[in-house]
Amino acid sequence: MPPFPTDGVVYLVTQADRSAGRSTPEIVRAAIAGGVDVVQLREKDRPARERLALGRELRELTAEAGIPLLVNDRIDLAAAVEADGVHLGDEDLPVAVAREQLGPDAIVGRSVSTSAAARAAEDAGADYLGVGALYPTDSKDKPPEESDLGPEGIAAVAEATDLPIVGIGGVTPENAADVVAAGADGVAVITAITAAEAPEAATRALGDAVAEGVAAR
């Protein structure tokens, strides 16, 4: 089971209805070719059985590439597809339950928007944090006070925790360097890769921007 990467991370969150008519496996193959570091199976609008079949296909792709596969929200689905872990939000089961169900080596991520939430997630045993939404986006349902955190929000959370942080929400190759320079260890995206005309090239562009941000710290 590969560990969660700790710096210079490009993290793809899948969503077929935002993939310009292309399949999720097609997008993931392109992202892997472009150097993606983590893949999360999201697909919130698809029935559990379809997500299971898709997750098993993505498990094969990511295992061959040696990168972690995580599942959004569903601890049971993560176990069923033998994923490397799960990513949890405010309305999902607690981090401790995921750890109990998936084992001590599983990667357990947690979405947060504040320093207090970051500290609580770290205390609960999370392995990394997804911080956002950083910029306006329609792919994450957040209240206004949690939907435009920007680099300042990343900096505040980075000061509050020692966990790896990925910034999410409206991240593009044009702003990813600022996110990482502010203290994130990488960025997580949906449409910056899935909706791109050339997902492999878009993944590489994100990787270049993230590296620029690391160098600017």
N, C-alpha and C. Protein backbone atom coordinates (compact mmCIF):
# COMPACT_ATOMS: atom_id res chain seq x y z
N MET A 1 0.85 -1.20 0.00
CA MET A 1 0.00 0.00 0.00
C MET A 1 0.88 1.25 0.00
N PRO A 2 0.85 2.05 -1.08
CA PRO A 2 1.71 3.23 -1.12
C PRO A 2 1.25 4.27 -0.11
N PRO A 3 2.21 4.99 0.51
CA PRO A 3 1.83 6.03 1.46
C PRO A 3 1.30 7.27 0.75
N PHE A 4 0.66 8.15 1.52
CA PHE A 4 0.24 9.42 0.92
C PHE A 4 1.48 10.27 0.67
N PRO A 5 1.64 10.81 -0.53
CA PRO A 5 2.82 11.64 -0.81
C PRO A 5 2.80 12.92 0.02
N THR A 6 3.96 13.41 0.37
CA THR A 6 4.02 14.51 1.33
C THR A 6 4.43 15.85 0.76
N ASP A 7 4.80 15.93 -0.51
CA ASP A 7 5.15 17.24 -1.07
C ASP A 7 5.06 17.19 -2.59
N GLY A 8 4.69 18.33 -3.17
CA GLY A 8 4.59 18.42 -4.62
C GLY A 8 3.52 17.54 -5.21
N VAL A 9 2.35 17.52 -4.59
CA VAL A 9 1.30 16.54 -4.91
C VAL A 9 0.31 17.09 -5.94
N VAL A 10 0.04 16.30 -6.96
CA VAL A 10 -1.08 16.55 -7.88
C VAL A 10 -2.08 15.42 -7.68
N TYR A 11 -3.30 15.77 -7.30
CA TYR A 11 -4.30 14.82 -6.80
C TYR A 11 -5.55 14.99 -7.66
N LEU A 12 -5.93 13.93 -8.35
CA LEU A 12 -7.11 13.96 -9.22
C LEU A 12 -8.32 13.40 -8.50
N VAL A 13 -9.42 14.15 -8.53
CA VAL A 13 -10.71 13.69 -8.04
C VAL A 13 -11.58 13.44 -9.26
N THR A 14 -12.08 12.22 -9.43
CA THR A 14 -12.79 11.88 -10.66
C THR A 14 -14.24 12.31 -10.61
N GLN A 15 -14.78 12.63 -11.78
CA GLN A 15 -16.21 12.94 -11.91
C GLN A 15 -16.57 12.86 -13.38
N ALA A 16 -17.25 11.78 -13.76
CA ALA A 16 -17.50 11.52 -15.18
C ALA A 16 -18.33 12.61 -15.85
N ASP A 17 -19.30 13.21 -15.12
CA ASP A 17 -20.15 14.20 -15.76
C ASP A 17 -19.44 15.54 -15.95
N ARG A 18 -18.19 15.61 -15.57
CA ARG A 18 -17.38 16.81 -15.81
C ARG A 18 -16.14 16.46 -16.64
N SER A 19 -16.29 15.42 -17.47
CA SER A 19 -15.14 14.91 -18.22
C SER A 19 -15.30 15.04 -19.73
N ALA A 20 -16.15 15.97 -20.17
CA ALA A 20 -16.31 16.28 -21.60
C ALA A 20 -16.61 15.04 -22.43
N GLY A 21 -17.47 14.16 -21.89
CA GLY A 21 -17.90 13.00 -22.64
C GLY A 21 -16.94 11.82 -22.62
N ARG A 22 -15.82 11.98 -21.94
CA ARG A 22 -14.85 10.89 -21.87
C ARG A 22 -15.08 10.06 -20.61
N SER A 23 -14.65 8.79 -20.63
CA SER A 23 -14.85 7.92 -19.48
C SER A 23 -13.83 8.25 -18.38
N THR A 24 -14.21 7.90 -17.16
CA THR A 24 -13.29 8.12 -16.05
C THR A 24 -12.00 7.32 -16.20
N PRO A 25 -12.04 6.04 -16.60
CA PRO A 25 -10.77 5.34 -16.82
C PRO A 25 -9.89 6.02 -17.87
N GLU A 26 -10.49 6.58 -18.91
CA GLU A 26 -9.73 7.30 -19.92
C GLU A 26 -9.02 8.50 -19.30
N ILE A 27 -9.73 9.24 -18.47
CA ILE A 27 -9.14 10.41 -17.81
C ILE A 27 -8.03 9.98 -16.87
N VAL A 28 -8.25 8.92 -16.11
CA VAL A 28 -7.25 8.46 -15.15
C VAL A 28 -5.99 7.98 -15.87
N ARG A 29 -6.16 7.25 -16.97
CA ARG A 29 -4.98 6.82 -17.73
C ARG A 29 -4.16 8.02 -18.18
N ALA A 30 -4.84 9.05 -18.68
CA ALA A 30 -4.13 10.24 -19.15
C ALA A 30 -3.44 10.95 -17.99
N ALA A 31 -4.12 11.03 -16.85
CA ALA A 31 -3.53 11.69 -15.69
C ALA A 31 -2.31 10.93 -15.19
N ILE A 32 -2.39 9.61 -15.18
CA ILE A 32 -1.23 8.82 -14.78
C ILE A 32 -0.06 9.07 -15.73
N ALA A 33 -0.35 9.12 -17.02
CA ALA A 33 0.71 9.41 -17.99
C ALA A 33 1.30 10.80 -17.76
N GLY A 34 0.49 11.72 -17.23
CA GLY A 34 0.96 13.07 -16.97
C GLY A 34 1.63 13.25 -15.62
N GLY A 35 1.70 12.17 -14.83
CA GLY A 35 2.43 12.24 -13.57
C GLY A 35 1.59 12.48 -12.34
N VAL A 36 0.28 12.19 -12.37
CA VAL A 36 -0.56 12.41 -11.20
C VAL A 36 -0.06 11.56 -10.03
N ASP A 37 -0.24 12.06 -8.81
CA ASP A 37 0.30 11.39 -7.62
C ASP A 37 -0.75 10.62 -6.82
N VAL A 38 -2.01 11.03 -6.89
CA VAL A 38 -3.09 10.41 -6.13
C VAL A 38 -4.35 10.48 -6.99
N VAL A 39 -5.19 9.44 -6.92
CA VAL A 39 -6.50 9.44 -7.58
C VAL A 39 -7.56 9.14 -6.54
N GLN A 40 -8.62 9.97 -6.55
CA GLN A 40 -9.77 9.72 -5.69
C GLN A 40 -10.99 9.43 -6.55
N LEU A 41 -11.65 8.31 -6.27
CA LEU A 41 -12.92 7.97 -6.92
C LEU A 41 -14.02 8.75 -6.23
N ARG A 42 -14.66 9.67 -6.99
CA ARG A 42 -15.75 10.48 -6.43
C ARG A 42 -17.07 9.98 -7.00
N GLU A 43 -17.45 10.45 -8.18
CA GLU A 43 -18.63 9.94 -8.89
C GLU A 43 -19.87 9.90 -8.00
N LYS A 44 -20.16 11.00 -7.31
CA LYS A 44 -21.25 11.04 -6.35
C LYS A 44 -22.61 10.72 -6.96
N ASP A 45 -22.77 10.95 -8.26
CA ASP A 45 -24.08 10.79 -8.89
C ASP A 45 -24.33 9.38 -9.42
N ARG A 46 -23.41 8.45 -9.23
CA ARG A 46 -23.55 7.12 -9.80
C ARG A 46 -23.96 6.11 -8.72
N PRO A 47 -24.78 5.13 -9.08
CA PRO A 47 -25.20 4.11 -8.11
C PRO A 47 -23.99 3.35 -7.55
N ALA A 48 -24.19 2.77 -6.37
CA ALA A 48 -23.09 2.09 -5.68
C ALA A 48 -22.49 0.97 -6.53
N ARG A 49 -23.33 0.21 -7.23
CA ARG A 49 -22.79 -0.90 -8.02
C ARG A 49 -21.92 -0.40 -9.17
N GLU A 50 -22.30 0.71 -9.77
CA GLU A 50 -21.48 1.28 -10.84
C GLU A 50 -20.17 1.80 -10.28
N ARG A 51 -20.23 2.42 -9.11
CA ARG A 51 -19.00 2.91 -8.48
C ARG A 51 -18.09 1.75 -8.10
N LEU A 52 -18.68 0.64 -7.71
CA LEU A 52 -17.89 -0.54 -7.37
C LEU A 52 -17.13 -1.05 -8.59
N ALA A 53 -17.83 -1.20 -9.70
CA ALA A 53 -17.17 -1.69 -10.91
C ALA A 53 -16.10 -0.71 -11.38
N LEU A 54 -16.41 0.56 -11.33
CA LEU A 54 -15.45 1.58 -11.73
C LEU A 54 -14.25 1.58 -10.78
N GLY A 55 -14.53 1.47 -9.49
CA GLY A 55 -13.44 1.46 -8.52
C GLY A 55 -12.49 0.31 -8.73
N ARG A 56 -13.02 -0.86 -9.09
CA ARG A 56 -12.14 -2.01 -9.34
C ARG A 56 -11.27 -1.78 -10.57
N GLU A 57 -11.83 -1.11 -11.59
CA GLU A 57 -11.02 -0.80 -12.77
C GLU A 57 -9.94 0.21 -12.44
N LEU A 58 -10.29 1.23 -11.65
CA LEU A 58 -9.29 2.23 -11.26
C LEU A 58 -8.25 1.63 -10.33
N ARG A 59 -8.67 0.65 -9.52
CA ARG A 59 -7.71 -0.02 -8.64
C ARG A 59 -6.61 -0.67 -9.45
N GLU A 60 -6.97 -1.32 -10.56
CA GLU A 60 -5.98 -1.96 -11.41
C GLU A 60 -5.03 -0.92 -12.01
N LEU A 61 -5.58 0.18 -12.49
CA LEU A 61 -4.76 1.22 -13.13
C LEU A 61 -3.79 1.85 -12.14
N THR A 62 -4.30 2.20 -10.97
CA THR A 62 -3.44 2.88 -9.99
C THR A 62 -2.43 1.93 -9.37
N ALA A 63 -2.82 0.67 -9.15
CA ALA A 63 -1.86 -0.29 -8.60
C ALA A 63 -0.70 -0.50 -9.56
N GLU A 64 -1.02 -0.59 -10.84
CA GLU A 64 0.04 -0.76 -11.84
C GLU A 64 0.98 0.44 -11.85
N ALA A 65 0.42 1.64 -11.62
CA ALA A 65 1.22 2.86 -11.62
C ALA A 65 1.91 3.11 -10.28
N GLY A 66 1.50 2.38 -9.23
CA GLY A 66 2.11 2.56 -7.92
C GLY A 66 1.68 3.81 -7.19
N ILE A 67 0.45 4.27 -7.45
CA ILE A 67 -0.04 5.47 -6.78
C ILE A 67 -1.29 5.15 -5.97
N PRO A 68 -1.57 5.91 -4.91
CA PRO A 68 -2.72 5.61 -4.07
C PRO A 68 -4.05 5.86 -4.77
N LEU A 69 -5.00 4.96 -4.51
CA LEU A 69 -6.39 5.15 -4.90
C LEU A 69 -7.20 5.33 -3.62
N LEU A 70 -7.93 6.43 -3.54
CA LEU A 70 -8.81 6.71 -2.42
C LEU A 70 -10.24 6.77 -2.90
N VAL A 71 -11.18 6.58 -1.99
CA VAL A 71 -12.60 6.64 -2.32
C VAL A 71 -13.24 7.76 -1.52
N ASN A 72 -14.04 8.56 -2.18
CA ASN A 72 -14.74 9.66 -1.53
C ASN A 72 -15.89 9.13 -0.68
N ASP A 73 -15.92 9.51 0.58
CA ASP A 73 -17.04 9.28 1.49
C ASP A 73 -17.23 7.85 1.97
N ARG A 74 -17.18 6.88 1.08
CA ARG A 74 -17.70 5.53 1.35
C ARG A 74 -16.62 4.58 1.86
N ILE A 75 -16.61 4.34 3.17
CA ILE A 75 -15.66 3.40 3.76
C ILE A 75 -15.90 1.99 3.24
N ASP A 76 -17.17 1.60 3.10
CA ASP A 76 -17.48 0.26 2.63
C ASP A 76 -17.01 0.03 1.21
N LEU A 77 -17.17 1.05 0.36
CA LEU A 77 -16.74 0.94 -1.02
C LEU A 77 -15.22 0.89 -1.11
N ALA A 78 -14.55 1.67 -0.27
CA ALA A 78 -13.09 1.63 -0.25
C ALA A 78 -12.59 0.23 0.08
N ALA A 79 -13.24 -0.41 1.05
CA ALA A 79 -12.85 -1.77 1.41
C ALA A 79 -13.16 -2.74 0.27
N ALA A 80 -14.30 -2.57 -0.38
CA ALA A 80 -14.72 -3.50 -1.43
C ALA A 80 -13.80 -3.48 -2.64
N VAL A 81 -13.26 -2.31 -2.98
CA VAL A 81 -12.38 -2.23 -4.15
C VAL A 81 -10.91 -2.36 -3.78
N GLU A 82 -10.65 -2.59 -2.48
CA GLU A 82 -9.28 -2.70 -1.97
C GLU A 82 -8.49 -1.44 -2.28
N ALA A 83 -9.14 -0.29 -2.06
CA ALA A 83 -8.48 1.00 -2.23
C ALA A 83 -7.46 1.20 -1.11
N ASP A 84 -6.62 2.20 -1.28
CA ASP A 84 -5.61 2.50 -0.26
C ASP A 84 -6.16 3.32 0.88
N GLY A 85 -7.37 3.85 0.71
CA GLY A 85 -7.96 4.62 1.79
C GLY A 85 -9.21 5.33 1.35
N VAL A 86 -9.59 6.34 2.14
CA VAL A 86 -10.86 7.03 1.98
C VAL A 86 -10.67 8.50 2.29
N HIS A 87 -11.52 9.33 1.67
CA HIS A 87 -11.53 10.76 1.99
C HIS A 87 -12.90 11.12 2.56
N LEU A 88 -12.91 11.75 3.72
CA LEU A 88 -14.14 11.99 4.47
C LEU A 88 -14.45 13.48 4.58
N GLY A 89 -15.75 13.80 4.56
CA GLY A 89 -16.22 15.16 4.77
C GLY A 89 -16.96 15.28 6.08
N ASP A 90 -17.55 16.45 6.30
CA ASP A 90 -18.23 16.73 7.57
C ASP A 90 -19.39 15.81 7.85
N GLU A 91 -20.07 15.33 6.80
CA GLU A 91 -21.26 14.52 6.99
C GLU A 91 -20.99 13.01 6.91
N ASP A 92 -19.73 12.65 6.76
CA ASP A 92 -19.37 11.24 6.67
C ASP A 92 -19.05 10.65 8.03
N LEU A 93 -18.80 9.34 8.08
CA LEU A 93 -18.41 8.70 9.32
C LEU A 93 -17.08 9.27 9.82
N PRO A 94 -16.84 9.21 11.13
CA PRO A 94 -15.62 9.80 11.68
C PRO A 94 -14.34 9.11 11.22
N VAL A 95 -13.25 9.84 11.35
CA VAL A 95 -11.93 9.30 11.01
C VAL A 95 -11.66 8.01 11.77
N ALA A 96 -11.98 7.98 13.05
CA ALA A 96 -11.71 6.80 13.88
C ALA A 96 -12.43 5.56 13.37
N VAL A 97 -13.64 5.73 12.85
CA VAL A 97 -14.39 4.60 12.31
C VAL A 97 -13.73 4.09 11.03
N ALA A 98 -13.29 5.01 10.19
CA ALA A 98 -12.59 4.60 8.97
C ALA A 98 -11.33 3.83 9.32
N ARG A 99 -10.61 4.30 10.32
CA ARG A 99 -9.38 3.61 10.73
C ARG A 99 -9.70 2.22 11.26
N GLU A 100 -10.75 2.10 12.01
CA GLU A 100 -11.15 0.81 12.56
C GLU A 100 -11.54 -0.16 11.46
N GLN A 101 -12.26 0.34 10.45
CA GLN A 101 -12.77 -0.52 9.39
C GLN A 101 -11.71 -0.86 8.35
N LEU A 102 -10.82 0.07 8.06
CA LEU A 102 -9.86 -0.11 6.97
C LEU A 102 -8.47 -0.52 7.43
N GLY A 103 -8.20 -0.38 8.72
CA GLY A 103 -6.91 -0.83 9.26
C GLY A 103 -5.91 0.29 9.45
N PRO A 104 -4.85 0.02 10.20
CA PRO A 104 -3.89 1.06 10.57
C PRO A 104 -3.09 1.62 9.42
N ASP A 105 -2.96 0.87 8.33
CA ASP A 105 -2.13 1.33 7.21
C ASP A 105 -2.92 2.10 6.16
N ALA A 106 -4.24 2.14 6.29
CA ALA A 106 -5.06 2.85 5.31
C ALA A 106 -4.79 4.36 5.38
N ILE A 107 -4.93 5.00 4.24
CA ILE A 107 -4.85 6.47 4.19
C ILE A 107 -6.23 7.03 4.46
N VAL A 108 -6.33 7.90 5.45
CA VAL A 108 -7.61 8.52 5.78
C VAL A 108 -7.45 10.03 5.67
N GLY A 109 -8.14 10.63 4.71
CA GLY A 109 -8.10 12.07 4.52
C GLY A 109 -9.36 12.72 5.05
N ARG A 110 -9.26 14.01 5.31
CA ARG A 110 -10.40 14.74 5.88
C ARG A 110 -10.49 16.12 5.26
N SER A 111 -11.69 16.51 4.83
CA SER A 111 -11.92 17.86 4.32
C SER A 111 -12.09 18.83 5.48
N VAL A 112 -11.40 19.96 5.42
CA VAL A 112 -11.52 21.00 6.45
C VAL A 112 -11.47 22.36 5.78
N SER A 113 -11.98 23.36 6.52
CA SER A 113 -11.93 24.74 6.02
C SER A 113 -11.35 25.70 7.04
N THR A 114 -11.10 25.24 8.26
CA THR A 114 -10.63 26.12 9.32
C THR A 114 -9.47 25.48 10.07
N SER A 115 -8.74 26.30 10.79
CA SER A 115 -7.64 25.81 11.61
C SER A 115 -8.14 24.88 12.71
N ALA A 116 -9.28 25.23 13.31
CA ALA A 116 -9.83 24.39 14.38
C ALA A 116 -10.19 23.00 13.86
N ALA A 117 -10.79 22.95 12.69
CA ALA A 117 -11.15 21.67 12.10
C ALA A 117 -9.91 20.86 11.73
N ALA A 118 -8.86 21.56 11.29
CA ALA A 118 -7.61 20.88 10.97
C ALA A 118 -7.00 20.23 12.20
N ARG A 119 -6.99 20.95 13.30
CA ARG A 119 -6.45 20.40 14.54
C ARG A 119 -7.27 19.20 15.02
N ALA A 120 -8.59 19.32 14.90
CA ALA A 120 -9.46 18.22 15.31
C ALA A 120 -9.22 16.98 14.45
N ALA A 121 -9.05 17.17 13.15
CA ALA A 121 -8.81 16.03 12.25
C ALA A 121 -7.47 15.38 12.56
N GLU A 122 -6.47 16.19 12.84
CA GLU A 122 -5.17 15.63 13.19
C GLU A 122 -5.26 14.83 14.49
N ASP A 123 -5.94 15.38 15.48
CA ASP A 123 -6.12 14.68 16.76
C ASP A 123 -6.87 13.37 16.58
N ALA A 124 -7.79 13.33 15.60
CA ALA A 124 -8.59 12.13 15.35
C ALA A 124 -7.83 11.05 14.60
N GLY A 125 -6.66 11.41 14.04
CA GLY A 125 -5.85 10.42 13.36
C GLY A 125 -5.86 10.47 11.85
N ALA A 126 -6.30 11.59 11.27
CA ALA A 126 -6.26 11.73 9.81
C ALA A 126 -4.82 11.74 9.32
N ASP A 127 -4.64 11.31 8.07
CA ASP A 127 -3.30 11.27 7.47
C ASP A 127 -2.98 12.49 6.63
N TYR A 128 -4.02 13.14 6.11
CA TYR A 128 -3.81 14.36 5.33
C TYR A 128 -5.12 15.14 5.33
N LEU A 129 -5.04 16.40 4.90
CA LEU A 129 -6.21 17.28 4.87
C LEU A 129 -6.43 17.83 3.47
N GLY A 130 -7.69 17.88 3.05
CA GLY A 130 -8.09 18.62 1.86
C GLY A 130 -8.69 19.94 2.31
N VAL A 131 -8.08 21.05 1.94
CA VAL A 131 -8.49 22.36 2.43
C VAL A 131 -9.16 23.15 1.32
N GLY A 132 -10.38 23.61 1.57
CA GLY A 132 -11.08 24.39 0.55
C GLY A 132 -12.51 24.68 0.98
N ALA A 133 -13.26 25.31 0.11
CA ALA A 133 -12.87 25.59 -1.27
C ALA A 133 -12.02 26.87 -1.32
N LEU A 134 -10.92 26.81 -2.08
CA LEU A 134 -10.00 27.93 -2.13
C LEU A 134 -10.50 29.06 -3.01
N TYR A 135 -11.12 28.72 -4.10
CA TYR A 135 -11.63 29.69 -5.05
C TYR A 135 -13.07 29.30 -5.41
N PRO A 136 -13.86 30.22 -5.92
CA PRO A 136 -15.24 29.88 -6.28
C PRO A 136 -15.30 28.69 -7.23
N THR A 137 -16.17 27.74 -6.93
CA THR A 137 -16.32 26.54 -7.73
C THR A 137 -17.72 25.99 -7.55
N ASP A 138 -18.25 25.33 -8.57
CA ASP A 138 -19.58 24.74 -8.45
C ASP A 138 -19.52 23.24 -8.21
N SER A 139 -18.31 22.70 -8.00
CA SER A 139 -18.19 21.26 -7.77
C SER A 139 -18.13 20.88 -6.30
N LYS A 140 -18.05 21.89 -5.41
CA LYS A 140 -18.09 21.64 -3.98
C LYS A 140 -19.16 22.52 -3.36
N ASP A 141 -20.07 21.91 -2.61
CA ASP A 141 -21.19 22.62 -2.00
C ASP A 141 -20.76 23.16 -0.64
N LYS A 142 -20.31 24.41 -0.63
CA LYS A 142 -19.81 25.03 0.59
C LYS A 142 -20.56 26.32 0.86
N PRO A 143 -20.77 26.68 2.15
CA PRO A 143 -21.35 27.98 2.45
C PRO A 143 -20.38 29.09 2.04
N PRO A 144 -20.88 30.32 1.86
CA PRO A 144 -20.03 31.40 1.37
C PRO A 144 -18.74 31.61 2.17
N GLU A 145 -18.82 31.48 3.50
CA GLU A 145 -17.64 31.72 4.32
C GLU A 145 -16.59 30.62 4.18
N GLU A 146 -16.94 29.51 3.50
CA GLU A 146 -16.01 28.41 3.32
C GLU A 146 -15.72 28.14 1.84
N SER A 147 -16.01 29.11 0.98
CA SER A 147 -15.91 28.84 -0.45
C SER A 147 -14.93 29.75 -1.18
N ASP A 148 -14.18 30.56 -0.48
CA ASP A 148 -13.21 31.42 -1.14
C ASP A 148 -12.06 31.69 -0.16
N LEU A 149 -11.45 30.60 0.33
CA LEU A 149 -10.42 30.73 1.37
C LEU A 149 -9.13 31.34 0.82
N GLY A 150 -8.79 31.01 -0.43
CA GLY A 150 -7.59 31.55 -1.04
C GLY A 150 -6.31 31.09 -0.35
N PRO A 151 -5.16 31.59 -0.81
CA PRO A 151 -3.89 31.22 -0.20
C PRO A 151 -3.82 31.57 1.29
N GLU A 152 -4.53 32.64 1.70
CA GLU A 152 -4.51 33.01 3.11
C GLU A 152 -5.12 31.90 3.97
N GLY A 153 -6.18 31.27 3.46
CA GLY A 153 -6.79 30.16 4.19
C GLY A 153 -5.85 28.98 4.30
N ILE A 154 -5.12 28.70 3.23
CA ILE A 154 -4.13 27.62 3.27
C ILE A 154 -3.06 27.92 4.31
N ALA A 155 -2.57 29.15 4.31
CA ALA A 155 -1.51 29.53 5.26
C ALA A 155 -1.97 29.35 6.70
N ALA A 156 -3.21 29.73 6.98
CA ALA A 156 -3.73 29.61 8.34
C ALA A 156 -3.81 28.15 8.77
N VAL A 157 -4.30 27.28 7.88
CA VAL A 157 -4.40 25.86 8.22
C VAL A 157 -3.00 25.24 8.35
N ALA A 158 -2.09 25.62 7.47
CA ALA A 158 -0.73 25.07 7.52
C ALA A 158 -0.04 25.40 8.84
N GLU A 159 -0.35 26.55 9.41
CA GLU A 159 0.23 26.92 10.69
C GLU A 159 -0.35 26.11 11.84
N ALA A 160 -1.54 25.53 11.63
CA ALA A 160 -2.25 24.85 12.71
C ALA A 160 -1.99 23.35 12.77
N THR A 161 -1.36 22.78 11.73
CA THR A 161 -1.23 21.33 11.68
C THR A 161 0.09 20.92 11.04
N ASP A 162 0.53 19.73 11.38
CA ASP A 162 1.72 19.16 10.74
C ASP A 162 1.35 18.16 9.64
N LEU A 163 0.05 17.94 9.42
CA LEU A 163 -0.37 16.99 8.40
C LEU A 163 -0.13 17.54 6.99
N PRO A 164 0.09 16.66 6.01
CA PRO A 164 0.12 17.12 4.62
C PRO A 164 -1.22 17.76 4.25
N ILE A 165 -1.15 18.79 3.41
CA ILE A 165 -2.33 19.56 3.01
C ILE A 165 -2.38 19.63 1.49
N VAL A 166 -3.58 19.37 0.94
CA VAL A 166 -3.80 19.66 -0.47
C VAL A 166 -4.93 20.69 -0.56
N GLY A 167 -4.71 21.72 -1.35
CA GLY A 167 -5.72 22.73 -1.57
C GLY A 167 -6.66 22.31 -2.68
N ILE A 168 -7.96 22.55 -2.50
CA ILE A 168 -8.95 22.13 -3.48
C ILE A 168 -10.01 23.21 -3.64
N GLY A 169 -10.62 23.23 -4.82
CA GLY A 169 -11.70 24.16 -5.08
C GLY A 169 -11.27 25.28 -5.99
N GLY A 170 -11.54 25.15 -7.28
CA GLY A 170 -11.20 26.19 -8.23
C GLY A 170 -9.72 26.29 -8.54
N VAL A 171 -8.95 25.27 -8.23
CA VAL A 171 -7.51 25.29 -8.49
C VAL A 171 -7.24 25.00 -9.96
N THR A 172 -6.33 25.77 -10.55
CA THR A 172 -5.94 25.64 -11.95
C THR A 172 -4.42 25.74 -12.05
N PRO A 173 -3.85 25.44 -13.22
CA PRO A 173 -2.41 25.65 -13.37
C PRO A 173 -2.00 27.10 -13.16
N GLU A 174 -2.94 28.02 -13.33
CA GLU A 174 -2.60 29.44 -13.16
C GLU A 174 -2.49 29.87 -11.70
N ASN A 175 -3.20 29.20 -10.79
CA ASN A 175 -3.13 29.62 -9.38
C ASN A 175 -2.52 28.57 -8.46
N ALA A 176 -2.19 27.39 -8.98
CA ALA A 176 -1.68 26.31 -8.13
C ALA A 176 -0.38 26.68 -7.44
N ALA A 177 0.49 27.42 -8.12
CA ALA A 177 1.77 27.80 -7.50
C ALA A 177 1.54 28.66 -6.27
N ASP A 178 0.57 29.57 -6.33
CA ASP A 178 0.27 30.42 -5.17
C ASP A 178 -0.23 29.59 -4.00
N VAL A 179 -1.03 28.58 -4.29
CA VAL A 179 -1.58 27.71 -3.23
C VAL A 179 -0.46 26.97 -2.52
N VAL A 180 0.47 26.43 -3.28
CA VAL A 180 1.57 25.67 -2.69
C VAL A 180 2.56 26.59 -1.99
N ALA A 181 2.85 27.73 -2.58
CA ALA A 181 3.76 28.68 -1.94
C ALA A 181 3.23 29.15 -0.59
N ALA A 182 1.89 29.16 -0.45
CA ALA A 182 1.27 29.61 0.81
C ALA A 182 1.35 28.56 1.91
N GLY A 183 1.72 27.32 1.54
CA GLY A 183 1.87 26.31 2.58
C GLY A 183 1.28 24.95 2.28
N ALA A 184 0.54 24.81 1.17
CA ALA A 184 0.00 23.50 0.81
C ALA A 184 1.12 22.60 0.30
N ASP A 185 0.91 21.30 0.45
CA ASP A 185 1.85 20.32 -0.07
C ASP A 185 1.50 19.89 -1.48
N GLY A 186 0.37 20.36 -1.97
CA GLY A 186 -0.06 20.03 -3.31
C GLY A 186 -1.46 20.54 -3.56
N VAL A 187 -2.03 20.13 -4.68
CA VAL A 187 -3.38 20.58 -5.05
C VAL A 187 -4.21 19.39 -5.49
N ALA A 188 -5.51 19.47 -5.22
CA ALA A 188 -6.46 18.47 -5.68
C ALA A 188 -7.44 19.16 -6.62
N VAL A 189 -7.75 18.50 -7.73
CA VAL A 189 -8.58 19.13 -8.75
C VAL A 189 -9.57 18.12 -9.34
N ILE A 190 -10.65 18.66 -9.86
CA ILE A 190 -11.55 17.87 -10.69
C ILE A 190 -11.41 18.37 -12.13
N THR A 191 -12.09 19.48 -12.44
CA THR A 191 -12.20 19.89 -13.84
C THR A 191 -10.90 20.39 -14.45
N ALA A 192 -9.95 20.82 -13.65
CA ALA A 192 -8.68 21.26 -14.23
C ALA A 192 -8.01 20.14 -15.00
N ILE A 193 -8.35 18.89 -14.66
CA ILE A 193 -7.89 17.74 -15.44
C ILE A 193 -9.02 17.12 -16.24
N THR A 194 -10.15 16.82 -15.58
CA THR A 194 -11.20 16.05 -16.27
C THR A 194 -11.80 16.78 -17.46
N ALA A 195 -11.92 18.11 -17.37
CA ALA A 195 -12.54 18.87 -18.44
C ALA A 195 -11.53 19.46 -19.42
N ALA A 196 -10.25 19.23 -19.17
CA ALA A 196 -9.22 19.79 -20.04
C ALA A 196 -9.25 19.13 -21.41
N GLU A 197 -8.91 19.88 -22.43
CA GLU A 197 -8.86 19.32 -23.79
C GLU A 197 -7.87 18.18 -23.87
N ALA A 198 -6.75 18.33 -23.15
CA ALA A 198 -5.71 17.29 -23.12
C ALA A 198 -5.38 17.01 -21.66
N PRO A 199 -6.05 16.03 -21.02
CA PRO A 199 -5.85 15.78 -19.60
C PRO A 199 -4.41 15.45 -19.21
N GLU A 200 -3.69 14.74 -20.06
CA GLU A 200 -2.29 14.44 -19.74
C GLU A 200 -1.47 15.73 -19.65
N ALA A 201 -1.62 16.59 -20.63
CA ALA A 201 -0.89 17.86 -20.62
C ALA A 201 -1.32 18.73 -19.45
N ALA A 202 -2.62 18.72 -19.13
CA ALA A 202 -3.11 19.51 -18.00
C ALA A 202 -2.51 19.02 -16.69
N THR A 203 -2.37 17.71 -16.55
CA THR A 203 -1.74 17.16 -15.35
C THR A 203 -0.29 17.60 -15.25
N ARG A 204 0.41 17.58 -16.37
CA ARG A 204 1.81 18.03 -16.36
C ARG A 204 1.90 19.52 -16.01
N ALA A 205 0.98 20.32 -16.54
CA ALA A 205 0.99 21.75 -16.23
C ALA A 205 0.75 22.00 -14.75
N LEU A 206 -0.15 21.23 -14.16
CA LEU A 206 -0.37 21.35 -12.72
C LEU A 206 0.88 20.95 -11.95
N GLY A 207 1.54 19.88 -12.39
CA GLY A 207 2.77 19.45 -11.73
C GLY A 207 3.85 20.52 -11.81
N ASP A 208 3.96 21.18 -12.95
CA ASP A 208 4.95 22.25 -13.09
C ASP A 208 4.62 23.42 -12.17
N ALA A 209 3.33 23.76 -12.07
CA ALA A 209 2.92 24.87 -11.20
C ALA A 209 3.17 24.52 -9.74
N VAL A 210 2.87 23.29 -9.36
CA VAL A 210 3.11 22.87 -7.97
C VAL A 210 4.61 22.94 -7.66
N ALA A 211 5.44 22.47 -8.58
CA ALA A 211 6.88 22.55 -8.37
C ALA A 211 7.36 24.00 -8.24
N GLU A 212 6.75 24.88 -9.01
CA GLU A 212 7.07 26.31 -8.91
C GLU A 212 6.72 26.84 -7.52
N GLY A 213 5.57 26.41 -7.01
CA GLY A 213 5.16 26.84 -5.67
C GLY A 213 6.08 26.32 -4.59
N VAL A 214 6.52 25.06 -4.72
CA VAL A 214 7.46 24.50 -3.75
C VAL A 214 8.76 25.31 -3.74
N ALA A 215 9.25 25.67 -4.93
CA ALA A 215 10.49 26.42 -5.03
C ALA A 215 10.37 27.82 -4.47
N ALA A 216 9.16 28.36 -4.44
CA ALA A 216 8.94 29.74 -3.99
C ALA A 216 8.76 29.87 -2.48
N ARG A 217 8.70 28.78 -1.77
CA ARG A 217 8.49 28.85 -0.32
C ARG A 217 9.66 29.51 0.39
